[in-house]
Amino acid sequence: MAKTLTEAKIAGRAERKRLAVGKHWRGIDPDVHLGYRRGKRGGVWVVRWYVGGAYRQQTLGTADDEIQEGTLDYNTAVRSARDVVEAERRKARQAAAGPTLTVREAVEAYIAARDARDTSRKGRAIRSDASSRLSRYVVGKPQSGKRKEVSATALSEIAVADLSESDLLGWRAALPTDLKTATKQRLVNDLKAALNEAYATNRSRLPAELPGIVKHGLRAMRDESDDADDVARENQILSDSQVSRLIGAAWEIDAEQDWDGDLYRLIIVLAATGARFSQVARLRVRDLQSDKGRLMIPSSRKGKGVKDVIKPVPIGPDVLEALLPAIAGRKKDDPLLERWQRKQAAGGIQWHRVGRGPWKSASEINRAWAAVRKRTGMAEVIPYAFRHSSVVRGIRANLPIRLVAAMHDTSVAMIERHYGRHIADGLDELAARSVVALVPTNDEKVVRLTR
């Protein structure tokens, strides 16, 4: 048990100058004492705390007896003492709880969870995109075949409890300069999610300030703006005639490649709703409400928290006519959009149909989409262009931004951020309608005002 403390007056300079050479203590906690070690030419601050039946000590820094710059005054020394003791007690608690949790372990746990989630959604074993990014730029990966080994970063070996903002900023500064802005931001988001998940799972072992360190250490930097992304989106905003050309080409490719209408229906739903592929793939027969002329689009799996299950999106008679054959004689819980599943015969090169099933991955249309792009002469257009174009179409129709966001399962902030210029154009058009002629014409009677 700690002995009764005889406290000395060490808060002020004048008080410290009157002390004898040696150590003098003052309590800042029942088992924590701030010490002033008086020497012939000034003093030094120390801290001691009671643990395991004995005191432990650590030097904090030089006292501001003569010089203020680079030294510690009494209040600063008290704060430093508390920080030191809290850090040491946290390390002791972590040691008692088990092995030290490193950034590598936190990232690998996150990768495993993401891979398991994506495997469950796709119905087959796959690696998530987060796995590829984090393996390449954080934890490294071994040599495999012709693929060269990628070394782990210094960040991966740091204990999560000891992580600092400078560690995270240093890691990001070391990323390849030719890495695209969008890719870099996705990578940063993946690492942020991995560290936040590690904190949520191991709160008793980690410092309370860790979420703040992660937030500020991985915040979006000014030089990592979305200017490049905005240009890409602008290039992918299609006119109504261009959308029609793509749909027409999809119909032709569907017939030529023996899709039996599956490709055409998928493309027309993407174009009509502006929904993500993952949402469209989860549509059921019951989601097509032909009597009301709308599709009930399931919410995306992006973000956190509880979200609405479905969102109604109106469709035109032409789209409805194209989809009606897909629901004839089918159960309400069946997938609305399906495709033929094919399997290669053993010992041969021919692929044979083995049954129908739902779409699982956007990559399943890659070859067909390449043919569509070639047929239309739009070499750079991507399927996601339907979503961009649908958002802008709603904005140009002067729909409320909140409604446009709800129909596309996103936020008003994201709409304003990525499509701000189109919102401004729409507001200009509305404002122009309020302009009226004020200056009288020549044939009207003009009354001259006297001075």
Protein backbone atom coordinates (compact mmCIF):
# COMPACT_ATOMS: atom_id res chain seq x y z
CA MET A 1 0.00 0.00 0.00
CA ALA A 2 1.28 3.51 -0.86
CA LYS A 3 2.61 5.58 2.03
CA THR A 4 1.03 8.88 3.12
CA LEU A 5 2.37 11.65 0.89
CA THR A 6 4.00 14.77 2.28
CA GLU A 7 3.22 17.35 -0.39
CA ALA A 8 5.55 20.16 -1.41
CA LYS A 9 4.69 23.48 -3.02
CA ILE A 10 5.94 23.09 -6.60
CA ALA A 11 3.31 24.95 -8.66
CA GLY A 12 5.10 28.33 -8.85
CA ARG A 13 8.65 29.28 -9.84
CA ALA A 14 9.29 31.24 -6.65
CA GLU A 15 8.08 28.30 -4.57
CA ARG A 16 10.36 25.87 -6.39
CA LYS A 17 13.42 28.11 -5.94
CA ARG A 18 13.04 27.87 -2.17
CA LEU A 19 13.15 24.07 -2.22
CA ALA A 20 16.23 22.08 -1.31
CA VAL A 21 18.13 19.97 -3.85
CA GLY A 22 16.33 16.63 -4.31
CA LYS A 23 12.88 15.32 -5.18
CA HIS A 24 9.65 16.93 -4.05
CA TRP A 25 6.17 15.51 -4.67
CA ARG A 26 2.61 16.67 -5.08
CA GLY A 27 -0.42 14.40 -5.55
CA ILE A 28 -2.59 14.67 -8.64
CA ASP A 29 -4.42 11.39 -8.00
CA PRO A 30 -4.56 8.99 -5.03
CA ASP A 31 -1.86 6.79 -6.57
CA VAL A 32 -0.24 9.29 -8.97
CA HIS A 33 2.26 11.98 -7.93
CA LEU A 34 3.92 14.75 -9.88
CA GLY A 35 7.52 15.23 -8.83
CA TYR A 36 9.98 18.10 -9.12
CA ARG A 37 13.64 17.04 -9.00
CA ARG A 38 15.57 20.10 -7.87
CA GLY A 39 19.14 20.46 -9.08
CA LYS A 40 21.82 23.10 -8.72
CA ARG A 41 20.86 24.77 -12.04
CA GLY A 42 17.11 24.16 -12.22
CA GLY A 43 14.75 21.26 -12.04
CA VAL A 44 13.08 18.45 -13.96
CA TRP A 45 9.50 17.17 -13.80
CA VAL A 46 8.92 13.47 -13.08
CA VAL A 47 5.85 11.34 -12.45
CA ARG A 48 5.39 8.25 -10.33
CA TRP A 49 2.41 5.94 -9.97
CA TYR A 50 1.67 3.00 -7.70
CA VAL A 51 1.27 -0.37 -9.42
CA GLY A 52 1.88 -3.95 -8.35
CA GLY A 53 3.01 -3.08 -4.84
CA ALA A 54 5.63 -0.53 -5.90
CA TYR A 55 6.07 2.85 -7.52
CA ARG A 56 7.14 3.31 -11.14
CA GLN A 57 8.71 6.58 -12.30
CA GLN A 58 9.21 8.37 -15.59
CA THR A 59 10.83 11.70 -16.48
CA LEU A 60 8.54 14.21 -18.19
CA GLY A 61 10.80 17.12 -19.12
CA THR A 62 12.64 20.24 -17.96
CA ALA A 63 10.79 22.70 -15.73
CA ASP A 64 10.37 26.32 -16.82
CA ASP A 65 12.48 27.69 -13.94
CA GLU A 66 14.59 29.99 -16.14
CA ILE A 67 13.58 29.47 -19.78
CA GLN A 68 9.99 29.17 -21.05
CA GLU A 69 10.60 27.96 -24.61
CA GLY A 70 10.97 24.18 -24.83
CA THR A 71 10.20 23.60 -21.14
CA LEU A 72 7.15 22.58 -19.14
CA ASP A 73 5.23 24.74 -16.72
CA TYR A 74 3.36 23.18 -13.80
CA ASN A 75 -0.01 22.78 -15.59
CA THR A 76 1.60 21.25 -18.66
CA ALA A 77 3.55 18.87 -16.47
CA VAL A 78 0.32 17.76 -14.76
CA ARG A 79 -1.28 16.99 -18.14
CA SER A 80 1.82 15.13 -19.31
CA ALA A 81 1.86 13.10 -16.10
CA ARG A 82 -1.74 12.06 -16.60
CA ASP A 83 -1.11 11.11 -20.23
CA VAL A 84 1.90 8.98 -19.29
CA VAL A 85 0.06 7.12 -16.54
CA GLU A 86 -3.01 6.54 -18.70
CA ALA A 87 -0.86 5.18 -21.52
CA GLU A 88 1.05 2.85 -19.19
CA ARG A 89 -2.11 1.58 -17.55
CA ARG A 90 -3.65 1.01 -20.98
CA LYS A 91 -0.61 -1.03 -22.04
CA ALA A 92 -0.88 -3.11 -18.89
CA ARG A 93 -4.57 -3.74 -19.54
CA GLN A 94 -3.84 -4.73 -23.14
CA ALA A 95 -1.10 -7.12 -22.03
CA ALA A 96 -3.51 -8.75 -19.59
CA ALA A 97 -6.20 -9.02 -22.26
CA GLY A 98 -3.96 -10.88 -24.69
CA PRO A 99 -1.54 -10.32 -27.59
CA THR A 100 -1.16 -6.80 -28.98
CA LEU A 101 -3.57 -6.02 -31.80
CA THR A 102 -1.69 -4.68 -34.82
CA VAL A 103 -2.94 -2.84 -37.87
CA ARG A 104 -2.18 -5.97 -39.91
CA GLU A 105 -4.48 -8.08 -37.74
CA ALA A 106 -7.23 -5.45 -37.87
CA VAL A 107 -7.01 -5.24 -41.66
CA GLU A 108 -6.89 -9.02 -42.15
CA ALA A 109 -9.99 -9.45 -39.97
CA TYR A 110 -11.79 -6.82 -42.04
CA ILE A 111 -10.71 -8.49 -45.30
CA ALA A 112 -12.03 -11.85 -44.09
CA ALA A 113 -15.39 -10.29 -43.19
CA ARG A 114 -15.68 -8.50 -46.54
CA ASP A 115 -14.75 -11.65 -48.47
CA ALA A 116 -17.32 -13.69 -46.54
CA ARG A 117 -20.00 -11.07 -47.15
CA ASP A 118 -19.35 -10.85 -50.89
CA THR A 119 -19.12 -14.63 -51.18
CA SER A 120 -22.53 -14.95 -49.55
CA ARG A 121 -24.04 -12.37 -51.90
CA LYS A 122 -22.56 -13.84 -55.06
CA GLY A 123 -23.11 -17.48 -54.16
CA ARG A 124 -19.50 -18.44 -54.88
CA ALA A 125 -16.11 -17.96 -53.28
CA ILE A 126 -14.63 -14.61 -54.32
CA ARG A 127 -12.21 -11.99 -53.05
CA SER A 128 -13.66 -8.58 -52.34
CA ASP A 129 -12.29 -5.42 -53.94
CA ALA A 130 -11.26 -4.27 -50.46
CA SER A 131 -9.13 -7.40 -50.14
CA SER A 132 -7.23 -6.56 -53.32
CA ARG A 133 -6.61 -2.94 -52.36
CA LEU A 134 -5.63 -3.50 -48.73
CA SER A 135 -3.38 -6.43 -49.59
CA ARG A 136 -1.52 -4.40 -52.16
CA TYR A 137 -1.13 -1.16 -50.27
CA VAL A 138 -1.18 -2.11 -46.56
CA VAL A 139 -0.51 -5.69 -45.46
CA GLY A 140 1.28 -6.98 -48.57
CA LYS A 141 0.85 -10.34 -50.27
CA PRO A 142 3.20 -13.27 -51.03
CA GLN A 143 4.45 -14.32 -54.41
CA SER A 144 2.05 -16.50 -56.34
CA GLY A 145 2.90 -17.87 -59.74
CA LYS A 146 4.03 -15.01 -61.95
CA ARG A 147 2.73 -12.45 -59.50
CA LYS A 148 5.54 -10.77 -57.61
CA GLU A 149 5.61 -10.43 -53.86
CA VAL A 150 4.28 -7.18 -52.42
CA SER A 151 5.97 -6.11 -49.19
CA ALA A 152 3.93 -5.05 -46.20
CA THR A 153 4.01 -1.39 -45.20
CA ALA A 154 5.50 -0.15 -41.93
CA LEU A 155 1.99 0.87 -40.90
CA SER A 156 0.82 -2.75 -40.79
CA GLU A 157 3.22 -3.61 -37.94
CA ILE A 158 2.14 -0.76 -35.65
CA ALA A 159 -0.06 -1.63 -32.68
CA VAL A 160 -3.54 -0.19 -33.12
CA ALA A 161 -3.37 1.20 -29.58
CA ASP A 162 -0.22 3.16 -30.47
CA LEU A 163 -1.52 4.48 -33.78
CA SER A 164 -1.11 8.22 -34.36
CA GLU A 165 -2.30 10.70 -36.96
CA SER A 166 1.24 11.06 -38.24
CA ASP A 167 1.40 7.30 -38.87
CA LEU A 168 -1.72 7.44 -41.03
CA LEU A 169 -0.73 10.63 -42.84
CA GLY A 170 2.72 9.20 -43.52
CA TRP A 171 1.23 6.03 -44.99
CA ARG A 172 -1.03 8.00 -47.30
CA ALA A 173 1.78 10.30 -48.40
CA ALA A 174 3.78 7.22 -49.44
CA LEU A 175 1.05 5.91 -51.78
CA PRO A 176 2.00 5.87 -55.49
CA THR A 177 1.56 9.27 -57.08
CA ASP A 178 -0.01 7.74 -60.19
CA LEU A 179 -2.81 6.15 -58.16
CA LYS A 180 -6.15 7.53 -59.34
CA THR A 181 -7.98 9.81 -56.95
CA ALA A 182 -11.06 7.58 -56.80
CA THR A 183 -8.95 4.47 -56.14
CA LYS A 184 -7.00 6.24 -53.43
CA GLN A 185 -10.16 7.40 -51.70
CA ARG A 186 -11.65 3.89 -51.79
CA LEU A 187 -8.44 2.54 -50.28
CA VAL A 188 -8.50 5.16 -47.52
CA ASN A 189 -12.15 4.34 -46.83
CA ASP A 190 -11.33 0.64 -46.59
CA LEU A 191 -8.55 1.24 -44.07
CA LYS A 192 -10.76 3.60 -42.07
CA ALA A 193 -13.51 0.98 -41.94
CA ALA A 194 -11.04 -1.72 -40.84
CA LEU A 195 -9.69 0.40 -37.98
CA ASN A 196 -13.13 1.53 -36.85
CA GLU A 197 -14.32 -2.07 -36.83
CA ALA A 198 -11.28 -3.07 -34.78
CA TYR A 199 -12.12 -0.37 -32.25
CA ALA A 200 -15.77 -1.43 -32.06
CA THR A 201 -14.73 -5.03 -31.40
CA ASN A 202 -11.91 -4.27 -28.93
CA ARG A 203 -13.03 -1.13 -27.11
CA SER A 204 -11.80 -2.33 -23.73
CA ARG A 205 -8.28 -2.78 -25.10
CA LEU A 206 -7.98 0.39 -27.16
CA PRO A 207 -7.75 4.11 -26.27
CA ALA A 208 -10.94 6.14 -26.38
CA GLU A 209 -9.31 8.71 -28.67
CA LEU A 210 -8.64 6.15 -31.44
CA PRO A 211 -11.77 7.00 -33.51
CA GLY A 212 -10.70 10.66 -33.56
CA ILE A 213 -7.18 9.70 -34.63
CA VAL A 214 -8.56 7.58 -37.48
CA LYS A 215 -11.01 10.29 -38.52
CA HIS A 216 -8.42 13.05 -38.75
CA GLY A 217 -5.55 10.88 -39.96
CA LEU A 218 -7.60 9.55 -42.88
CA ARG A 219 -9.67 12.63 -43.62
CA ALA A 220 -10.16 13.71 -47.23
CA MET A 221 -7.33 16.04 -48.24
CA ARG A 222 -7.77 19.10 -50.41
CA ASP A 223 -5.49 17.71 -53.12
CA GLU A 224 -7.60 14.54 -53.18
CA SER A 225 -10.71 16.33 -54.44
CA ASP A 226 -13.31 14.81 -56.71
CA ASP A 227 -12.46 17.01 -59.70
CA ALA A 228 -11.29 14.02 -61.72
CA ASP A 229 -14.39 12.07 -60.75
CA ASP A 230 -16.62 14.98 -61.76
CA VAL A 231 -15.01 15.00 -65.21
CA ALA A 232 -15.55 11.26 -65.53
CA ARG A 233 -19.18 11.62 -64.54
CA GLU A 234 -19.67 14.48 -66.99
CA ASN A 235 -18.35 12.28 -69.79
CA GLN A 236 -20.81 9.56 -68.78
CA ILE A 237 -23.97 11.70 -68.80
CA LEU A 238 -25.91 10.60 -71.85
CA SER A 239 -28.66 12.27 -73.81
CA ASP A 240 -32.00 10.50 -74.24
CA SER A 241 -31.09 9.63 -77.83
CA GLN A 242 -27.79 8.07 -76.73
CA VAL A 243 -29.59 5.97 -74.10
CA SER A 244 -32.01 4.79 -76.80
CA ARG A 245 -29.11 3.87 -79.08
CA LEU A 246 -27.52 1.77 -76.34
CA ILE A 247 -30.80 0.01 -75.57
CA GLY A 248 -31.35 -0.67 -79.27
CA ALA A 249 -27.85 -2.07 -79.63
CA ALA A 250 -28.42 -4.24 -76.55
CA TRP A 251 -31.54 -5.67 -78.23
CA GLU A 252 -29.52 -6.54 -81.34
CA ILE A 253 -26.63 -8.09 -79.39
CA ASP A 254 -29.12 -10.01 -77.26
CA ALA A 255 -30.56 -11.66 -80.38
CA GLU A 256 -27.16 -12.29 -81.99
CA GLN A 257 -25.61 -13.87 -78.87
CA ASP A 258 -28.66 -15.96 -77.93
CA TRP A 259 -29.54 -14.21 -74.65
CA ASP A 260 -33.28 -14.83 -75.11
CA GLY A 261 -34.09 -11.27 -73.99
CA ASP A 262 -32.22 -11.50 -70.67
CA LEU A 263 -29.54 -8.97 -71.61
CA TYR A 264 -32.06 -6.57 -73.14
CA ARG A 265 -34.29 -6.61 -70.07
CA LEU A 266 -31.36 -6.02 -67.71
CA ILE A 267 -30.11 -3.04 -69.74
CA ILE A 268 -33.55 -1.48 -70.07
CA VAL A 269 -34.15 -1.71 -66.28
CA LEU A 270 -30.77 -0.12 -65.56
CA ALA A 271 -31.57 2.71 -67.98
CA ALA A 272 -35.14 3.23 -66.78
CA THR A 273 -34.46 3.27 -63.04
CA GLY A 274 -30.89 4.53 -62.64
CA ALA A 275 -30.45 1.83 -59.99
CA ARG A 276 -27.19 0.06 -59.22
CA PHE A 277 -26.58 -3.42 -60.65
CA SER A 278 -26.71 -4.94 -57.15
CA GLN A 279 -30.20 -3.50 -56.65
CA VAL A 280 -31.54 -4.57 -60.02
CA ALA A 281 -30.20 -8.10 -59.56
CA ARG A 282 -32.31 -8.45 -56.37
CA LEU A 283 -35.61 -7.49 -57.99
CA ARG A 284 -38.45 -10.01 -57.63
CA VAL A 285 -41.44 -10.64 -59.85
CA ARG A 286 -43.69 -8.97 -57.26
CA ASP A 287 -41.60 -5.77 -57.55
CA LEU A 288 -43.01 -5.10 -61.01
CA GLN A 289 -46.36 -3.40 -60.33
CA SER A 290 -47.80 -3.27 -63.82
CA ASP A 291 -51.10 -1.75 -62.69
CA LYS A 292 -49.27 1.24 -61.17
CA GLY A 293 -46.53 1.46 -63.79
CA ARG A 294 -43.62 1.23 -61.41
CA LEU A 295 -40.80 -0.93 -60.11
CA MET A 296 -40.17 -1.34 -56.39
CA ILE A 297 -36.38 -1.05 -56.18
CA PRO A 298 -34.71 -2.61 -53.11
CA SER A 299 -32.37 -0.39 -51.15
CA SER A 300 -28.66 -0.72 -51.73
CA ARG A 301 -26.37 -2.31 -49.21
CA LYS A 302 -24.19 0.77 -49.05
CA GLY A 303 -23.79 2.70 -45.81
CA LYS A 304 -24.93 1.84 -42.30
CA GLY A 305 -28.10 1.80 -40.29
CA VAL A 306 -31.65 0.74 -41.07
CA LYS A 307 -32.84 1.72 -44.54
CA ASP A 308 -36.15 1.52 -46.36
CA VAL A 309 -36.72 -1.90 -47.87
CA ILE A 310 -38.00 -0.70 -51.24
CA LYS A 311 -38.28 2.53 -53.20
CA PRO A 312 -40.94 3.00 -55.93
CA VAL A 313 -39.62 4.18 -59.30
CA PRO A 314 -42.06 4.93 -62.14
CA ILE A 315 -41.43 3.35 -65.54
CA GLY A 316 -42.88 4.07 -68.96
CA PRO A 317 -45.27 1.85 -70.96
CA ASP A 318 -42.43 0.82 -73.29
CA VAL A 319 -40.37 -0.49 -70.37
CA LEU A 320 -43.39 -2.22 -68.88
CA GLU A 321 -44.11 -3.92 -72.20
CA ALA A 322 -40.53 -5.20 -72.36
CA LEU A 323 -40.72 -6.66 -68.84
CA LEU A 324 -44.15 -8.31 -68.97
CA PRO A 325 -42.83 -11.48 -70.69
CA ALA A 326 -40.44 -11.94 -67.75
CA ILE A 327 -43.27 -12.38 -65.23
CA ALA A 328 -45.70 -14.50 -67.22
CA GLY A 329 -46.53 -17.69 -65.30
CA ARG A 330 -43.91 -17.11 -62.62
CA LYS A 331 -44.10 -17.00 -58.84
CA LYS A 332 -43.99 -13.66 -57.02
CA ASP A 333 -40.79 -14.53 -55.15
CA ASP A 334 -38.89 -15.54 -58.30
CA PRO A 335 -36.09 -13.21 -59.48
CA LEU A 336 -37.48 -10.73 -61.99
CA LEU A 337 -34.34 -10.75 -64.11
CA GLU A 338 -32.62 -14.03 -64.88
CA ARG A 339 -30.10 -15.40 -67.34
CA TRP A 340 -29.12 -18.78 -68.70
CA GLN A 341 -26.38 -20.49 -66.70
CA ARG A 342 -23.86 -22.32 -68.87
CA LYS A 343 -21.31 -25.02 -68.18
CA GLN A 344 -18.47 -26.30 -70.31
CA ALA A 345 -18.73 -29.95 -71.21
CA ALA A 346 -15.95 -32.19 -69.88
CA GLY A 347 -13.21 -32.68 -72.43
CA GLY A 348 -14.72 -30.19 -74.87
CA ILE A 349 -14.84 -26.48 -75.60
CA GLN A 350 -18.58 -26.13 -76.07
CA TRP A 351 -20.73 -24.41 -73.44
CA HIS A 352 -24.18 -25.81 -72.73
CA ARG A 353 -27.16 -24.37 -70.91
CA VAL A 354 -27.72 -26.00 -67.53
CA GLY A 355 -30.57 -23.90 -66.18
CA ARG A 356 -31.67 -20.36 -65.40
CA GLY A 357 -30.76 -18.27 -62.40
CA PRO A 358 -30.42 -14.67 -61.20
CA TRP A 359 -27.66 -12.31 -62.24
CA LYS A 360 -24.81 -12.43 -59.74
CA SER A 361 -22.09 -10.07 -60.93
CA ALA A 362 -21.87 -7.03 -63.18
CA SER A 363 -18.92 -8.71 -64.89
CA GLU A 364 -21.36 -11.17 -66.50
CA ILE A 365 -22.24 -8.59 -69.15
CA ASN A 366 -18.67 -7.50 -69.92
CA ARG A 367 -18.38 -9.22 -73.31
CA ALA A 368 -21.86 -8.29 -74.39
CA TRP A 369 -21.37 -4.68 -73.26
CA ALA A 370 -18.15 -4.46 -75.26
CA ALA A 371 -20.17 -5.45 -78.34
CA VAL A 372 -22.80 -2.82 -77.48
CA ARG A 373 -20.15 -0.10 -77.22
CA LYS A 374 -18.64 -1.14 -80.53
CA ARG A 375 -22.04 -1.22 -82.20
CA THR A 376 -22.93 2.31 -81.02
CA GLY A 377 -19.48 3.83 -81.46
CA MET A 378 -19.42 4.92 -77.80
CA ALA A 379 -16.12 3.34 -76.84
CA GLU A 380 -15.84 4.75 -73.32
CA VAL A 381 -19.41 4.46 -72.04
CA ILE A 382 -19.96 2.22 -69.01
CA PRO A 383 -23.23 0.71 -67.68
CA TYR A 384 -23.04 3.05 -64.66
CA ALA A 385 -23.63 5.90 -67.14
CA PHE A 386 -27.32 4.98 -67.01
CA ARG A 387 -27.35 5.97 -63.34
CA HIS A 388 -25.58 9.29 -63.90
CA SER A 389 -27.89 10.09 -66.78
CA SER A 390 -31.01 9.20 -64.78
CA VAL A 391 -29.98 11.53 -61.95
CA VAL A 392 -29.34 14.43 -64.33
CA ARG A 393 -32.61 13.72 -66.16
CA GLY A 394 -34.49 14.16 -62.90
CA ILE A 395 -32.63 17.37 -62.11
CA ARG A 396 -33.32 18.82 -65.55
CA ALA A 397 -37.00 17.98 -65.11
CA ASN A 398 -36.90 20.30 -62.06
CA LEU A 399 -37.83 17.51 -59.65
CA PRO A 400 -37.04 18.33 -56.02
CA ILE A 401 -33.48 17.27 -55.20
CA ARG A 402 -34.75 15.28 -52.23
CA LEU A 403 -37.02 13.29 -54.56
CA VAL A 404 -34.19 12.68 -57.03
CA ALA A 405 -32.01 11.44 -54.17
CA ALA A 406 -34.74 9.16 -52.83
CA MET A 407 -35.45 7.65 -56.25
CA HIS A 408 -31.76 6.83 -56.69
CA ASP A 409 -31.16 5.64 -53.12
CA THR A 410 -28.57 8.26 -52.28
CA SER A 411 -28.35 11.46 -50.25
CA VAL A 412 -29.04 15.07 -51.12
CA ALA A 413 -25.43 15.85 -50.18
CA MET A 414 -24.11 13.36 -52.75
CA ILE A 415 -26.42 14.74 -55.45
CA GLU A 416 -25.29 18.30 -54.72
CA ARG A 417 -21.66 17.26 -54.58
CA HIS A 418 -21.47 15.37 -57.87
CA TYR A 419 -24.18 17.00 -59.95
CA GLY A 420 -24.03 20.58 -58.66
CA ARG A 421 -23.54 22.18 -62.06
CA HIS A 422 -26.74 20.62 -63.37
CA ILE A 423 -28.64 21.81 -60.31
CA ALA A 424 -27.34 25.32 -60.99
CA ASP A 425 -28.49 25.12 -64.62
CA GLY A 426 -31.96 24.04 -63.50
CA LEU A 427 -32.20 26.87 -60.99
CA ASP A 428 -31.11 29.36 -63.65
CA GLU A 429 -33.89 28.11 -65.91
CA LEU A 430 -36.47 28.47 -63.16
CA ALA A 431 -35.23 31.94 -62.29
CA ALA A 432 -35.34 32.97 -65.97
CA ARG A 433 -39.05 32.12 -66.09
CA SER A 434 -39.73 34.77 -63.45
CA VAL A 435 -38.19 37.56 -65.55
CA VAL A 436 -40.77 39.92 -67.07
CA ALA A 437 -40.43 42.90 -69.39
CA LEU A 438 -40.17 46.15 -67.43
CA VAL A 439 -39.07 48.73 -70.00
CA PRO A 440 -42.03 50.17 -72.01
CA THR A 441 -41.98 49.80 -75.79
CA ASN A 442 -42.06 52.72 -78.25
CA ASP A 443 -45.77 52.40 -79.04
CA GLU A 444 -46.72 52.73 -75.36
CA LYS A 445 -47.39 56.09 -73.80
CA VAL A 446 -44.38 57.32 -71.89
CA VAL A 447 -44.80 59.92 -69.18
CA ARG A 448 -41.77 62.15 -68.81
CA LEU A 449 -40.94 63.00 -65.25
CA THR A 450 -40.26 66.63 -64.36
CA ARG A 451 -37.10 67.60 -62.54
